[in-house]
Amino acid sequence: MAKNILGLIAGDYLVERIIETYPELSREDVVDALDYASQVIDEEKVIPRA
């Protein structure tokens, strides 16, 4: 679900719209998904584009 939430955020959805679209989610769920993604990215090696 974190991937879906990131896609929605990238698609310019606000947290409120995500919650309206997925009423089973809470604001905390969205924040947790973003926090999870942030932690995963921090663990990955980032290779700059040429």
PDB file of N, CA and C in Angstrom:
ATOM      1  N   MET A   1       0.816  -1.194   0.000  1.00  0.00           N
ATOM      2  CA  MET A   1       0.000   0.000   0.000  1.00  0.00           C
ATOM      3  C   MET A   1       0.857   1.254   0.000  1.00  0.00           C
ATOM      4  N   ALA A   2       2.060   1.173   0.562  1.00  0.00           N
ATOM      5  CA  ALA A   2       2.950   2.346   0.568  1.00  0.00           C
ATOM      6  C   ALA A   2       3.233   2.801  -0.856  1.00  0.00           C
ATOM      7  N   LYS A   3       3.423   1.869  -1.757  1.00  0.00           N
ATOM      8  CA  LYS A   3       3.672   2.213  -3.164  1.00  0.00           C
ATOM      9  C   LYS A   3       2.477   2.965  -3.740  1.00  0.00           C
ATOM     10  N   ASN A   4       1.278   2.520  -3.437  1.00  0.00           N
ATOM     11  CA  ASN A   4       0.072   3.207  -3.922  1.00  0.00           C
ATOM     12  C   ASN A   4       0.002   4.628  -3.372  1.00  0.00           C
ATOM     13  N   ILE A   5       0.275   4.780  -2.099  1.00  0.00           N
ATOM     14  CA  ILE A   5       0.216   6.098  -1.481  1.00  0.00           C
ATOM     15  C   ILE A   5       1.250   7.021  -2.104  1.00  0.00           C
ATOM     16  N   LEU A   6       2.458   6.528  -2.323  1.00  0.00           N
ATOM     17  CA  LEU A   6       3.484   7.349  -2.962  1.00  0.00           C
ATOM     18  C   LEU A   6       3.059   7.760  -4.372  1.00  0.00           C
ATOM     19  N   GLY A   7       2.434   6.839  -5.084  1.00  0.00           N
ATOM     20  CA  GLY A   7       1.945   7.159  -6.425  1.00  0.00           C
ATOM     21  C   GLY A   7       0.877   8.241  -6.393  1.00  0.00           C
ATOM     22  N   LEU A   8       0.007   8.166  -5.412  1.00  0.00           N
ATOM     23  CA  LEU A   8      -1.036   9.188  -5.289  1.00  0.00           C
ATOM     24  C   LEU A   8      -0.433  10.549  -4.934  1.00  0.00           C
ATOM     25  N   ILE A   9       0.526  10.555  -4.020  1.00  0.00           N
ATOM     26  CA  ILE A   9       1.197  11.800  -3.667  1.00  0.00           C
ATOM     27  C   ILE A   9       1.905  12.372  -4.898  1.00  0.00           C
ATOM     28  N   ALA A  10       2.572  11.520  -5.653  1.00  0.00           N
ATOM     29  CA  ALA A  10       3.242  11.964  -6.878  1.00  0.00           C
ATOM     30  C   ALA A  10       2.229  12.485  -7.900  1.00  0.00           C
ATOM     31  N   GLY A  11       1.018  11.945  -7.849  1.00  0.00           N
ATOM     32  CA  GLY A  11      -0.043  12.390  -8.736  1.00  0.00           C
ATOM     33  C   GLY A  11      -0.778  13.613  -8.216  1.00  0.00           C
ATOM     34  N   ASP A  12      -0.201  14.284  -7.231  1.00  0.00           N
ATOM     35  CA  ASP A  12      -0.716  15.545  -6.698  1.00  0.00           C
ATOM     36  C   ASP A  12      -1.937  15.388  -5.801  1.00  0.00           C
ATOM     37  N   TYR A  13      -2.129  14.185  -5.245  1.00  0.00           N
ATOM     38  CA  TYR A  13      -3.212  13.993  -4.271  1.00  0.00           C
ATOM     39  C   TYR A  13      -2.773  14.569  -2.934  1.00  0.00           C
ATOM     40  N   LEU A  14      -3.663  15.219  -2.252  1.00  0.00           N
ATOM     41  CA  LEU A  14      -3.422  15.637  -0.873  1.00  0.00           C
ATOM     42  C   LEU A  14      -3.807  14.488   0.051  1.00  0.00           C
ATOM     43  N   VAL A  15      -3.313  14.525   1.271  1.00  0.00           N
ATOM     44  CA  VAL A  15      -3.617  13.464   2.233  1.00  0.00           C
ATOM     45  C   VAL A  15      -5.131  13.304   2.389  1.00  0.00           C
ATOM     46  N   GLU A  16      -5.840  14.414   2.448  1.00  0.00           N
ATOM     47  CA  GLU A  16      -7.298  14.357   2.603  1.00  0.00           C
ATOM     48  C   GLU A  16      -7.958  13.594   1.451  1.00  0.00           C
ATOM     49  N   ARG A  17      -7.464  13.826   0.234  1.00  0.00           N
ATOM     50  CA  ARG A  17      -8.044  13.130  -0.924  1.00  0.00           C
ATOM     51  C   ARG A  17      -7.721  11.637  -0.885  1.00  0.00           C
ATOM     52  N   ILE A  18      -6.542  11.289  -0.422  1.00  0.00           N
ATOM     53  CA  ILE A  18      -6.184   9.872  -0.300  1.00  0.00           C
ATOM     54  C   ILE A  18      -7.137   9.189   0.681  1.00  0.00           C
ATOM     55  N   ILE A  19      -7.397   9.852   1.801  1.00  0.00           N
ATOM     56  CA  ILE A  19      -8.291   9.286   2.808  1.00  0.00           C
ATOM     57  C   ILE A  19      -9.718   9.177   2.263  1.00  0.00           C
ATOM     58  N   GLU A  20     -10.142  10.150   1.453  1.00  0.00           N
ATOM     59  CA  GLU A  20     -11.468  10.073   0.829  1.00  0.00           C
ATOM     60  C   GLU A  20     -11.532   8.914  -0.166  1.00  0.00           C
ATOM     61  N   THR A  21     -10.443   8.714  -0.912  1.00  0.00           N
ATOM     62  CA  THR A  21     -10.389   7.654  -1.910  1.00  0.00           C
ATOM     63  C   THR A  21     -10.309   6.277  -1.259  1.00  0.00           C
ATOM     64  N   TYR A  22      -9.576   6.191  -0.159  1.00  0.00           N
ATOM     65  CA  TYR A  22      -9.399   4.943   0.580  1.00  0.00           C
ATOM     66  C   TYR A  22      -9.872   5.158   2.019  1.00  0.00           C
ATOM     67  N   PRO A  23     -11.180   5.123   2.262  1.00  0.00           N
ATOM     68  CA  PRO A  23     -11.701   5.439   3.601  1.00  0.00           C
ATOM     69  C   PRO A  23     -11.218   4.490   4.699  1.00  0.00           C
ATOM     70  N   GLU A  24     -10.671   3.350   4.320  1.00  0.00           N
ATOM     71  CA  GLU A  24     -10.144   2.434   5.336  1.00  0.00           C
ATOM     72  C   GLU A  24      -8.810   2.917   5.906  1.00  0.00           C
ATOM     73  N   LEU A  25      -8.210   3.936   5.266  1.00  0.00           N
ATOM     74  CA  LEU A  25      -6.951   4.496   5.744  1.00  0.00           C
ATOM     75  C   LEU A  25      -7.205   5.689   6.644  1.00  0.00           C
ATOM     76  N   SER A  26      -6.308   5.873   7.580  1.00  0.00           N
ATOM     77  CA  SER A  26      -6.346   7.059   8.427  1.00  0.00           C
ATOM     78  C   SER A  26      -5.177   7.959   8.028  1.00  0.00           C
ATOM     79  N   ARG A  27      -5.191   9.166   8.544  1.00  0.00           N
ATOM     80  CA  ARG A  27      -4.070  10.091   8.300  1.00  0.00           C
ATOM     81  C   ARG A  27      -2.767   9.443   8.789  1.00  0.00           C
ATOM     82  N   GLU A  28      -2.837   8.769   9.934  1.00  0.00           N
ATOM     83  CA  GLU A  28      -1.647   8.108  10.479  1.00  0.00           C
ATOM     84  C   GLU A  28      -1.128   7.029   9.524  1.00  0.00           C
ATOM     85  N   ASP A  29      -2.024   6.302   8.867  1.00  0.00           N
ATOM     86  CA  ASP A  29      -1.600   5.283   7.902  1.00  0.00           C
ATOM     87  C   ASP A  29      -0.803   5.916   6.761  1.00  0.00           C
ATOM     88  N   VAL A  30      -1.281   7.052   6.270  1.00  0.00           N
ATOM     89  CA  VAL A  30      -0.595   7.738   5.167  1.00  0.00           C
ATOM     90  C   VAL A  30       0.769   8.230   5.632  1.00  0.00           C
ATOM     91  N   VAL A  31       0.820   8.831   6.795  1.00  0.00           N
ATOM     92  CA  VAL A  31       2.084   9.320   7.341  1.00  0.00           C
ATOM     93  C   VAL A  31       3.045   8.153   7.565  1.00  0.00           C
ATOM     94  N   ASP A  32       2.546   7.045   8.077  1.00  0.00           N
ATOM     95  CA  ASP A  32       3.392   5.863   8.294  1.00  0.00           C
ATOM     96  C   ASP A  32       3.962   5.336   6.978  1.00  0.00           C
ATOM     97  N   ALA A  33       3.150   5.341   5.923  1.00  0.00           N
ATOM     98  CA  ALA A  33       3.626   4.880   4.615  1.00  0.00           C
ATOM     99  C   ALA A  33       4.727   5.792   4.091  1.00  0.00           C
ATOM    100  N   LEU A  34       4.561   7.090   4.263  1.00  0.00           N
ATOM    101  CA  LEU A  34       5.592   8.030   3.829  1.00  0.00           C
ATOM    102  C   LEU A  34       6.859   7.884   4.666  1.00  0.00           C
ATOM    103  N   ASP A  35       6.704   7.663   5.952  1.00  0.00           N
ATOM    104  CA  ASP A  35       7.853   7.446   6.825  1.00  0.00           C
ATOM    105  C   ASP A  35       8.598   6.176   6.429  1.00  0.00           C
ATOM    106  N   TYR A  36       7.842   5.117   6.139  1.00  0.00           N
ATOM    107  CA  TYR A  36       8.443   3.857   5.702  1.00  0.00           C
ATOM    108  C   TYR A  36       9.248   4.064   4.420  1.00  0.00           C
ATOM    109  N   ALA A  37       8.655   4.756   3.450  1.00  0.00           N
ATOM    110  CA  ALA A  37       9.345   5.005   2.186  1.00  0.00           C
ATOM    111  C   ALA A  37      10.619   5.809   2.416  1.00  0.00           C
ATOM    112  N   SER A  38      10.560   6.778   3.297  1.00  0.00           N
ATOM    113  CA  SER A  38      11.729   7.589   3.609  1.00  0.00           C
ATOM    114  C   SER A  38      12.851   6.739   4.197  1.00  0.00           C
ATOM    115  N   GLN A  39      12.496   5.823   5.076  1.00  0.00           N
ATOM    116  CA  GLN A  39      13.501   4.942   5.688  1.00  0.00           C
ATOM    117  C   GLN A  39      14.121   4.018   4.648  1.00  0.00           C
ATOM    118  N   VAL A  40      13.317   3.495   3.749  1.00  0.00           N
ATOM    119  CA  VAL A  40      13.829   2.596   2.706  1.00  0.00           C
ATOM    120  C   VAL A  40      14.785   3.349   1.788  1.00  0.00           C
ATOM    121  N   ILE A  41      14.402   4.557   1.417  1.00  0.00           N
ATOM    122  CA  ILE A  41      15.261   5.352   0.534  1.00  0.00           C
ATOM    123  C   ILE A  41      16.582   5.664   1.215  1.00  0.00           C
ATOM    124  N   ASP A  42      16.546   5.960   2.502  1.00  0.00           N
ATOM    125  CA  ASP A  42      17.779   6.249   3.223  1.00  0.00           C
ATOM    126  C   ASP A  42      18.722   5.058   3.235  1.00  0.00           C
ATOM    127  N   GLU A  43      18.207   3.852   3.139  1.00  0.00           N
ATOM    128  CA  GLU A  43      19.024   2.652   3.171  1.00  0.00           C
ATOM    129  C   GLU A  43      19.580   2.292   1.795  1.00  0.00           C
ATOM    130  N   GLU A  44      19.008   2.849   0.744  1.00  0.00           N
ATOM    131  CA  GLU A  44      19.425   2.532  -0.620  1.00  0.00           C
ATOM    132  C   GLU A  44      20.616   3.410  -1.026  1.00  0.00           C
ATOM    133  N   LYS A  45      21.434   2.872  -1.904  1.00  0.00           N
ATOM    134  CA  LYS A  45      22.510   3.656  -2.476  1.00  0.00           C
ATOM    135  C   LYS A  45      21.928   4.443  -3.638  1.00  0.00           C
ATOM    136  N   VAL A  46      22.076   5.748  -3.575  1.00  0.00           N
ATOM    137  CA  VAL A  46      21.558   6.615  -4.632  1.00  0.00           C
ATOM    138  C   VAL A  46      22.653   6.861  -5.639  1.00  0.00           C
ATOM    139  N   ILE A  47      22.354   6.572  -6.909  1.00  0.00           N
ATOM    140  CA  ILE A  47      23.319   6.785  -7.989  1.00  0.00           C
ATOM    141  C   ILE A  47      22.843   7.996  -8.788  1.00  0.00           C
ATOM    142  N   PRO A  48      23.636   9.061  -8.791  1.00  0.00           N
ATOM    143  CA  PRO A  48      23.205  10.261  -9.516  1.00  0.00           C
ATOM    144  C   PRO A  48      23.110   9.999 -11.025  1.00  0.00           C
ATOM    145  N   ARG A  49      22.192  10.718 -11.662  1.00  0.00           N
ATOM    146  CA  ARG A  49      22.044  10.600 -13.117  1.00  0.00           C
ATOM    147  C   ARG A  49      23.232  11.283 -13.784  1.00  0.00           C
ATOM    148  N   ALA A  50      23.627  10.732 -14.907  1.00  0.00           N
ATOM    149  CA  ALA A  50      24.756  11.298 -15.651  1.00  0.00           C
ATOM    150  C   ALA A  50      24.387  12.586 -16.346  1.00  0.00           C
TER     151      ALA A  50
END
